[in-house]
């Protein structure tokens, strides 16, 4: 033991290197385990949080710097361990057995204290640890920054030497996907689900935002400070609380109540995230791309007059793709389904979109400013729909057959020659 203690300066240096290696390993685990909501919390966490969040804007550069420092530190550590091991082997007080034991113990300590332990701790509390390591990690990145382009060039050269003919695959057509579904499984249920998802993806390219959005009247609007009575009424149908401006007109942010952890319930306003604004006639596929690009969950739908008429969430789009239902369909439940009637007619809730009804009846899809059939009837009669109100849609007649405080039930029936003659006689 005395032979090992004689090398205390080197042992002290190895301990310091072990701590540095633990710092970089834990930093990597904390920063790269952050979810989208955690990154937004980090950006709102003051100077230290913003500094850590900015590091993730160029994740490739950050990872290269962390790996470079870890490699340099570990090589220095093993260099010192080898020097001490060599001296122990030549020492008459130690010998080769002590040297081998020291080398193995040094390796195990580095693995446990510099890799396993710091990474395990980092993933348990990634946000506070990311705030703590942000400033020193930024300094380490600045020191090694001039060397990173050389590392990148070396990686690129090595990849081209190893995979000189590597090329991206060509795009896959929808027919190829359908064929792959047919050949991929013999399970009829799984095949039906895969077709449903594929059909949902294709529909997104043609579906307008106003067909899937939650109307403003169905949103839960709040203003800050938060009234706890809102939470007592349960989770909103959309899953989000919409935070408005002081006058209650403009929606500024959204709080995903369904996604909150128990620890966040004490600071619900802190979980609010910004929203994006899209036009009512935009395609759902475009909005999905924009939500992913901006790392947002809610898009507020604006009409041509600049009025906020509804909201579309990332959850609604995913649910529509995977199940064929979402948005106002989920809120309306069975009432949103179009039920066929005799003689070519159908019955449905007023929340059904005009475009969905036109597709069901085989009509040319109208470019209407109103999203729902109830809105279409309101626009035609210049008043809120009432029991008995009628509006024409090509060769169909839309009639309000039932009404309550929140919704109306409408029937669409083909206009026959008898109806035309009766109308002419009445006139």
Foldseek 3Di string as FASTA:
>chain_A
DVLLVVPVVLVVLLVVLLVVLQLLQLLVLLLVLDDLLLLVLLCVPPPLSVLLSVCVVCVVLLVLLSVVSNVVSVVVSLVSLVVSLVSQCPDPVHHNVNSVVSNVVSVVCSCVSNHVVSSVVCNVPSNVSSSVCSVVSVVSSVVCVVVVVVVVVVVVVVCCVVCVPDDDDDDDDPVNVLVCLVPVDPDPVVSVLSVLLSVLVVVLVVDFPLQFWAFPVQAAEDEPPGDCVVPVVDQRLQQWYFYAPPVRFHGFWIFRNVPDDPVCPVPRVSSTDGEAEDERGDGNVVVLVVCVVVVHFKYFYAYPVRGGTGMDGPVQSVCCSRPVGGHVCSVCDPQQDWAADPQLKTKHWQARFQQVVCVVSVHDRDPDSDGTNQVVQCVVVVHRDDAQRWDDDVQWIKGFHADDDPITMIMIHGHDPVNVVVVVVVD
